[in-house]
C-alpha atoms as a PDB file:
ATOM      1  CA  UNK A   1      27.864 -13.460 -25.634  1.00  0.00           C
ATOM      2  CA  UNK A   2      24.469 -12.806 -24.059  1.00  0.00           C
ATOM      3  CA  UNK A   3      23.874 -11.848 -20.430  1.00  0.00           C
ATOM      4  CA  UNK A   4      20.382 -13.350 -20.335  1.00  0.00           C
ATOM      5  CA  UNK A   5      18.534 -16.506 -21.296  1.00  0.00           C
ATOM      6  CA  UNK A   6      14.845 -17.339 -21.594  1.00  0.00           C
ATOM      7  CA  UNK A   7      13.838 -21.009 -21.905  1.00  0.00           C
ATOM      8  CA  UNK A   8      10.825 -23.262 -21.401  1.00  0.00           C
ATOM      9  CA  UNK A   9      11.387 -25.823 -18.649  1.00  0.00           C
ATOM     10  CA  UNK A  10      10.459 -28.641 -21.054  1.00  0.00           C
ATOM     11  CA  UNK A  11      13.384 -27.653 -23.318  1.00  0.00           C
ATOM     12  CA  UNK A  12      16.081 -27.807 -20.620  1.00  0.00           C
ATOM     13  CA  UNK A  13      18.580 -30.645 -20.462  1.00  0.00           C
ATOM     14  CA  UNK A  14      18.179 -32.802 -17.372  1.00  0.00           C
ATOM     15  CA  UNK A  15      21.386 -31.536 -15.732  1.00  0.00           C
ATOM     16  CA  UNK A  16      20.435 -27.875 -16.262  1.00  0.00           C
ATOM     17  CA  UNK A  17      16.888 -28.542 -15.053  1.00  0.00           C
ATOM     18  CA  UNK A  18      18.200 -30.340 -11.942  1.00  0.00           C
ATOM     19  CA  UNK A  19      20.514 -27.423 -11.146  1.00  0.00           C
ATOM     20  CA  UNK A  20      17.700 -24.871 -11.543  1.00  0.00           C
ATOM     21  CA  UNK A  21      15.325 -26.914  -9.399  1.00  0.00           C
ATOM     22  CA  UNK A  22      17.964 -27.114  -6.661  1.00  0.00           C
ATOM     23  CA  UNK A  23      18.522 -23.355  -6.926  1.00  0.00           C
ATOM     24  CA  UNK A  24      14.786 -22.620  -6.740  1.00  0.00           C
ATOM     25  CA  UNK A  25      14.130 -25.259  -4.110  1.00  0.00           C
ATOM     26  CA  UNK A  26      11.190 -26.736  -6.049  1.00  0.00           C
ATOM     27  CA  UNK A  27      10.307 -28.742  -9.121  1.00  0.00           C
ATOM     28  CA  UNK A  28       9.766 -26.919 -12.397  1.00  0.00           C
ATOM     29  CA  UNK A  29       6.502 -27.373 -14.275  1.00  0.00           C
ATOM     30  CA  UNK A  30       6.808 -28.284 -17.977  1.00  0.00           C
ATOM     31  CA  UNK A  31       5.131 -25.076 -19.198  1.00  0.00           C
ATOM     32  CA  UNK A  32       7.089 -22.710 -16.945  1.00  0.00           C
ATOM     33  CA  UNK A  33       9.448 -20.237 -18.548  1.00  0.00           C
ATOM     34  CA  UNK A  34      12.833 -19.735 -16.943  1.00  0.00           C
ATOM     35  CA  UNK A  35      14.613 -16.390 -17.123  1.00  0.00           C
ATOM     36  CA  UNK A  36      18.263 -16.044 -16.124  1.00  0.00           C
ATOM     37  CA  UNK A  37      20.268 -12.814 -16.106  1.00  0.00           C
ATOM     38  CA  UNK A  38      23.895 -12.144 -15.254  1.00  0.00           C
ATOM     39  CA  UNK A  39      25.166  -8.646 -14.554  1.00  0.00           C
ATOM     40  CA  UNK A  40      28.048  -6.950 -12.840  1.00  0.00           C
ATOM     41  CA  UNK A  41      27.408  -5.531  -9.415  1.00  0.00           C
ATOM     42  CA  UNK A  42      28.687  -2.202  -8.200  1.00  0.00           C
ATOM     43  CA  UNK A  43      29.180  -0.455  -4.911  1.00  0.00           C
ATOM     44  CA  UNK A  44      26.297   1.629  -3.622  1.00  0.00           C
ATOM     45  CA  UNK A  45      26.796   5.351  -4.182  1.00  0.00           C
ATOM     46  CA  UNK A  46      27.962   7.493  -1.282  1.00  0.00           C
ATOM     47  CA  UNK A  47      28.053  11.184  -0.500  1.00  0.00           C
ATOM     48  CA  UNK A  48      26.827  13.528  -3.219  1.00  0.00           C
ATOM     49  CA  UNK A  49      26.234  10.631  -5.655  1.00  0.00           C
ATOM     50  CA  UNK A  50      23.892   9.055  -3.127  1.00  0.00           C
ATOM     51  CA  UNK A  51      22.104  12.367  -2.572  1.00  0.00           C
ATOM     52  CA  UNK A  52      21.657  12.791  -6.340  1.00  0.00           C
ATOM     53  CA  UNK A  53      20.319   9.245  -6.734  1.00  0.00           C
ATOM     54  CA  UNK A  54      17.852   9.888  -3.906  1.00  0.00           C
ATOM     55  CA  UNK A  55      16.723  13.161  -5.525  1.00  0.00           C
ATOM     56  CA  UNK A  56      16.165  11.390  -8.883  1.00  0.00           C
ATOM     57  CA  UNK A  57      14.179   8.633  -7.172  1.00  0.00           C
ATOM     58  CA  UNK A  58      11.917  11.139  -5.425  1.00  0.00           C
ATOM     59  CA  UNK A  59      11.473  13.020  -8.697  1.00  0.00           C
ATOM     60  CA  UNK A  60      10.421   9.788 -10.433  1.00  0.00           C
ATOM     61  CA  UNK A  61       7.965   9.001  -7.624  1.00  0.00           C
ATOM     62  CA  UNK A  62       6.463  12.506  -7.854  1.00  0.00           C
ATOM     63  CA  UNK A  63       6.025  12.154 -11.644  1.00  0.00           C
ATOM     64  CA  UNK A  64       4.298   8.816 -11.211  1.00  0.00           C
ATOM     65  CA  UNK A  65       2.023  10.228  -8.496  1.00  0.00           C
ATOM     66  CA  UNK A  66       1.114  13.191 -10.732  1.00  0.00           C
ATOM     67  CA  UNK A  67      -0.015  10.807 -13.489  1.00  0.00           C
ATOM     68  CA  UNK A  68      -2.626   9.255 -11.176  1.00  0.00           C
ATOM     69  CA  UNK A  69      -3.548  12.364  -9.174  1.00  0.00           C
ATOM     70  CA  UNK A  70      -7.147  12.340 -10.468  1.00  0.00           C
ATOM     71  CA  UNK A  71      -7.718   8.608 -10.051  1.00  0.00           C
ATOM     72  CA  UNK A  72      -9.901   7.779  -7.039  1.00  0.00           C
ATOM     73  CA  UNK A  73      -8.040   6.027  -4.236  1.00  0.00           C
ATOM     74  CA  UNK A  74     -10.421   3.058  -4.383  1.00  0.00           C
ATOM     75  CA  UNK A  75      -9.471   2.462  -8.050  1.00  0.00           C
ATOM     76  CA  UNK A  76      -5.766   2.637  -7.208  1.00  0.00           C
ATOM     77  CA  UNK A  77      -6.259   0.170  -4.355  1.00  0.00           C
ATOM     78  CA  UNK A  78      -8.134  -2.200  -6.685  1.00  0.00           C
ATOM     79  CA  UNK A  79      -5.336  -2.003  -9.260  1.00  0.00           C
ATOM     80  CA  UNK A  80      -2.767  -2.791  -6.584  1.00  0.00           C
ATOM     81  CA  UNK A  81      -4.842  -5.583  -5.018  1.00  0.00           C
ATOM     82  CA  UNK A  82      -5.788  -7.352  -8.268  1.00  0.00           C
ATOM     83  CA  UNK A  83      -2.404  -8.971  -9.037  1.00  0.00           C
ATOM     84  CA  UNK A  84      -2.040  -9.972  -5.382  1.00  0.00           C
ATOM     85  CA  UNK A  85      -5.465 -11.632  -5.402  1.00  0.00           C
ATOM     86  CA  UNK A  86      -4.807 -13.383  -8.720  1.00  0.00           C
ATOM     87  CA  UNK A  87      -1.466 -14.617  -7.411  1.00  0.00           C
ATOM     88  CA  UNK A  88      -3.097 -16.030  -4.264  1.00  0.00           C
ATOM     89  CA  UNK A  89      -5.802 -17.758  -6.330  1.00  0.00           C
ATOM     90  CA  UNK A  90      -3.182 -19.260  -8.652  1.00  0.00           C
ATOM     91  CA  UNK A  91      -1.120 -20.492  -5.699  1.00  0.00           C
ATOM     92  CA  UNK A  92      -4.192 -22.112  -4.096  1.00  0.00           C
ATOM     93  CA  UNK A  93      -5.096 -23.768  -7.403  1.00  0.00           C
ATOM     94  CA  UNK A  94      -1.560 -25.130  -7.853  1.00  0.00           C
ATOM     95  CA  UNK A  95      -1.482 -26.412  -4.265  1.00  0.00           C
ATOM     96  CA  UNK A  96      -4.845 -28.118  -4.752  1.00  0.00           C
ATOM     97  CA  UNK A  97      -3.721 -29.689  -8.044  1.00  0.00           C
ATOM     98  CA  UNK A  98      -0.559 -31.024  -6.394  1.00  0.00           C
ATOM     99  CA  UNK A  99      -2.565 -32.531  -3.525  1.00  0.00           C
ATOM    100  CA  UNK A 100      -4.994 -34.165  -5.984  1.00  0.00           C
ATOM    101  CA  UNK A 101      -2.299 -35.739  -8.176  1.00  0.00           C
ATOM    102  CA  UNK A 102      -2.481 -39.532  -7.798  1.00  0.00           C
ATOM    103  CA  UNK A 103       1.221 -39.838  -7.058  1.00  0.00           C
ATOM    104  CA  UNK A 104       0.912 -37.269  -4.295  1.00  0.00           C
ATOM    105  CA  UNK A 105      -2.045 -39.042  -2.674  1.00  0.00           C
ATOM    106  CA  UNK A 106      -0.234 -42.365  -2.891  1.00  0.00           C
ATOM    107  CA  UNK A 107       2.865 -40.779  -1.391  1.00  0.00           C
ATOM    108  CA  UNK A 108       0.831 -39.234   1.433  1.00  0.00           C
ATOM    109  CA  UNK A 109      -0.864 -42.586   2.207  1.00  0.00           C
ATOM    110  CA  UNK A 110       2.449 -44.418   2.282  1.00  0.00           C
ATOM    111  CA  UNK A 111       3.526 -42.438   5.338  1.00  0.00           C
ATOM    112  CA  UNK A 112       7.025 -41.888   3.991  1.00  0.00           C
ATOM    113  CA  UNK A 113       8.740 -38.547   4.192  1.00  0.00           C
ATOM    114  CA  UNK A 114      11.308 -36.864   1.985  1.00  0.00           C
END
């Protein structure tokens, strides 16, 4: 049995879609892809295990930093900022599209609230 599932919203049964929309707190768009994973949790390490995990994390960070040591800071900033900017643009576009949908305008004019 699998521990993960990947499905298009349009392919979900109505009861599964309803449950996911309640979980997310919003409606799903037909072309959205839903990813679900289930995994066992574990206690956080303590003592020497925690120290070792911290050392490995710092080592990984140092290796990553070494790979970009010769990249100008402005380029790194642009690479970091780009997905954030694209995300903000996408969100604004989606908000605008929702406000322009005829049902939404009709709902807003009716003066009713959810």
